Amino acid sequence: MRRLRLKGLHAEFDYRVSGLEDHYLGDRLMQIGLPILPLDGDYKSVWFKLSAAN
């Protein structure tokens, strides 16, 4: 599984990601990344919407 590391988040905030049940700490998203599933085919994309829970 691949991971997408994010930048510019507040490390102490909880973030919810659209389409996913879990919430993630900003520090974790910046250090470890958001797990993403591989996409099959050419020109496929995924859209993520993050919202801070704090």
Protein backbone atom coordinates (compact mmCIF):
# COMPACT_ATOMS: atom_id res chain seq x y z
CA MET A 1 0.00 0.00 0.00
CA ARG A 2 1.30 3.43 -0.89
CA ARG A 3 1.17 6.46 1.35
CA LEU A 4 0.68 10.12 0.54
CA ARG A 5 2.60 12.39 2.93
CA LEU A 6 0.99 15.77 3.49
CA LYS A 7 2.52 19.12 4.42
CA GLY A 8 1.39 22.22 6.29
CA LEU A 9 -1.04 20.59 8.73
CA HIS A 10 -1.31 21.33 12.44
CA ALA A 11 0.51 18.45 14.13
CA GLU A 12 -1.81 18.34 17.16
CA PHE A 13 -5.12 18.47 15.22
CA ASP A 14 -7.28 15.47 14.37
CA TYR A 15 -8.24 15.32 10.70
CA ARG A 16 -11.13 13.49 9.08
CA VAL A 17 -10.78 12.37 5.49
CA SER A 18 -13.84 12.17 3.25
CA GLY A 19 -14.74 8.60 2.40
CA LEU A 20 -12.77 7.10 5.30
CA GLU A 21 -14.12 6.17 8.72
CA ASP A 22 -10.96 6.86 10.74
CA HIS A 23 -9.49 10.15 11.86
CA TYR A 24 -5.79 10.92 11.72
CA LEU A 25 -3.46 13.17 13.69
CA GLY A 26 -1.81 15.89 11.64
CA ASP A 27 1.61 14.71 12.82
CA ARG A 28 0.92 11.21 11.52
CA LEU A 29 -0.30 12.49 8.15
CA MET A 30 2.87 14.55 7.73
CA GLN A 31 5.31 11.87 8.94
CA ILE A 32 3.78 8.54 7.86
CA GLY A 33 1.19 9.63 5.33
CA LEU A 34 -2.34 8.80 4.31
CA PRO A 35 -2.74 5.21 3.08
CA ILE A 36 -3.97 5.07 -0.50
CA LEU A 37 -4.97 2.10 -2.60
CA PRO A 38 -3.35 1.55 -5.97
CA LEU A 39 -5.34 2.75 -8.97
CA ASP A 40 -5.78 0.56 -12.03
CA GLY A 41 -5.60 2.02 -15.52
CA ASP A 42 -4.34 5.21 -17.07
CA TYR A 43 -5.38 8.70 -15.94
CA LYS A 44 -7.15 7.55 -12.77
CA SER A 45 -7.28 9.96 -9.85
CA VAL A 46 -8.53 10.19 -6.29
CA TRP A 47 -9.84 13.26 -4.51
CA PHE A 48 -9.40 13.69 -0.74
CA LYS A 49 -11.15 16.29 1.40
CA LEU A 50 -9.62 16.85 4.85
CA SER A 51 -11.35 18.67 7.66
CA ALA A 52 -9.84 19.49 11.03
CA ALA A 53 -11.84 18.07 13.94
CA ASN A 54 -10.28 20.46 16.52
